[in-house]
């Protein structure tokens, strides 16, 4: 899990994560699911979406810039994944969740 969090933009595979953990792919996937309740790549997607939301809300970065930071090749790929998961585009989510300026 540390590896995922340390390099979110890396194109992780379950095989690579298992090697880093010194485990077989199947043993790693089973233990990961037991400990987190999610698959390794499902967890990675959830963590990426969490970071995307923070970056959308707290920075002026473009969707393309955010995509590169969290491991998507293009802003379009991020937009598709985000829309499938959240039901709205990143831009619509950003506008809806914008924090009001302090008074």
Protein backbone atom coordinates (compact mmCIF):
# COMPACT_ATOMS: atom_id res chain seq x y z
CA UNK A 1 0.00 0.00 0.00
CA UNK A 2 2.92 2.32 0.73
CA UNK A 3 4.11 1.83 -2.83
CA UNK A 4 0.72 2.87 -4.26
CA UNK A 5 0.58 5.99 -2.10
CA UNK A 6 4.21 6.92 -2.77
CA UNK A 7 3.84 6.90 -6.56
CA UNK A 8 0.21 7.29 -7.53
CA UNK A 9 1.03 8.06 -11.17
CA UNK A 10 2.91 4.79 -11.71
CA UNK A 11 1.13 2.31 -14.02
CA UNK A 12 0.77 -0.33 -11.30
CA UNK A 13 -0.09 -3.95 -11.96
CA UNK A 14 -1.00 -6.60 -9.41
CA UNK A 15 2.08 -8.59 -10.50
CA UNK A 16 4.39 -5.67 -9.78
CA UNK A 17 2.80 -4.96 -6.40
CA UNK A 18 3.03 -8.62 -5.45
CA UNK A 19 6.73 -8.70 -6.39
CA UNK A 20 7.39 -5.64 -4.25
CA UNK A 21 5.61 -7.35 -1.35
CA UNK A 22 7.61 -10.54 -1.93
CA UNK A 23 4.45 -12.58 -2.52
CA UNK A 24 2.78 -14.50 -5.29
CA UNK A 25 0.18 -12.60 -7.27
CA UNK A 26 -2.73 -14.66 -5.97
CA UNK A 27 -1.59 -14.59 -2.32
CA UNK A 28 -1.02 -10.84 -2.50
CA UNK A 29 -4.43 -10.17 -4.10
CA UNK A 30 -6.20 -12.34 -1.53
CA UNK A 31 -4.43 -10.74 1.45
CA UNK A 32 -4.96 -7.23 0.07
CA UNK A 33 -8.68 -7.90 -0.35
CA UNK A 34 -8.89 -9.40 3.15
CA UNK A 35 -7.17 -6.37 4.72
CA UNK A 36 -8.80 -3.57 2.72
CA UNK A 37 -12.07 -5.02 1.43
CA UNK A 38 -11.06 -4.09 -2.12
CA UNK A 39 -8.88 -5.47 -4.89
CA UNK A 40 -5.46 -3.86 -5.35
CA UNK A 41 -6.48 -2.11 -8.57
CA UNK A 42 -9.89 -1.19 -7.18
CA UNK A 43 -8.16 0.43 -4.22
CA UNK A 44 -5.78 2.22 -6.59
CA UNK A 45 -8.69 3.64 -8.56
CA UNK A 46 -10.44 4.76 -5.36
CA UNK A 47 -7.28 6.43 -4.08
CA UNK A 48 -6.73 8.16 -7.43
CA UNK A 49 -10.31 9.46 -7.45
CA UNK A 50 -9.87 10.75 -3.89
CA UNK A 51 -6.74 12.64 -4.96
CA UNK A 52 -8.49 13.94 -8.09
CA UNK A 53 -11.26 15.40 -5.93
CA UNK A 54 -8.76 17.10 -3.63
CA UNK A 55 -6.88 18.57 -6.57
CA UNK A 56 -10.09 19.72 -8.28
CA UNK A 57 -11.32 21.39 -5.11
CA UNK A 58 -8.07 22.87 -3.83
CA UNK A 59 -6.03 23.79 -6.91
CA UNK A 60 -6.52 25.58 -10.21
CA UNK A 61 -4.84 22.69 -12.08
CA UNK A 62 -6.43 21.63 -15.35
CA UNK A 63 -7.96 18.18 -15.73
CA UNK A 64 -4.98 17.25 -17.96
CA UNK A 65 -2.49 18.33 -15.28
CA UNK A 66 -4.39 16.39 -12.63
CA UNK A 67 -4.57 13.35 -14.90
CA UNK A 68 -0.79 13.20 -15.22
CA UNK A 69 -0.33 13.56 -11.45
CA UNK A 70 -2.63 10.67 -10.61
CA UNK A 71 -1.69 8.19 -13.32
CA UNK A 72 -3.93 8.78 -16.32
CA UNK A 73 -2.38 9.34 -19.74
CA UNK A 74 -4.81 12.06 -20.78
CA UNK A 75 -7.42 14.38 -19.41
CA UNK A 76 -9.96 12.52 -21.52
CA UNK A 77 -9.07 9.19 -19.89
CA UNK A 78 -9.41 10.75 -16.46
CA UNK A 79 -12.71 12.40 -17.40
CA UNK A 80 -14.14 9.06 -18.57
CA UNK A 81 -13.04 7.24 -15.41
CA UNK A 82 -14.23 10.05 -13.16
CA UNK A 83 -17.59 10.35 -14.91
CA UNK A 84 -18.16 6.59 -14.74
CA UNK A 85 -17.42 6.56 -11.03
CA UNK A 86 -18.97 9.86 -9.91
CA UNK A 87 -21.74 10.37 -12.46
CA UNK A 88 -20.49 13.85 -13.40
CA UNK A 89 -17.50 15.26 -15.25
CA UNK A 90 -14.51 16.56 -13.30
CA UNK A 91 -15.38 20.12 -14.33
CA UNK A 92 -18.97 19.78 -13.11
CA UNK A 93 -17.77 18.22 -9.86
CA UNK A 94 -15.29 21.09 -9.38
CA UNK A 95 -17.99 23.72 -9.85
CA UNK A 96 -20.40 21.91 -7.54
CA UNK A 97 -17.86 21.44 -4.78
CA UNK A 98 -16.10 24.80 -4.99
CA UNK A 99 -15.46 26.25 -1.58
CA UNK A 100 -16.88 29.72 -1.07
CA UNK A 101 -14.29 32.45 -0.55
CA UNK A 102 -13.82 33.49 3.09
CA UNK A 103 -15.82 36.56 4.04
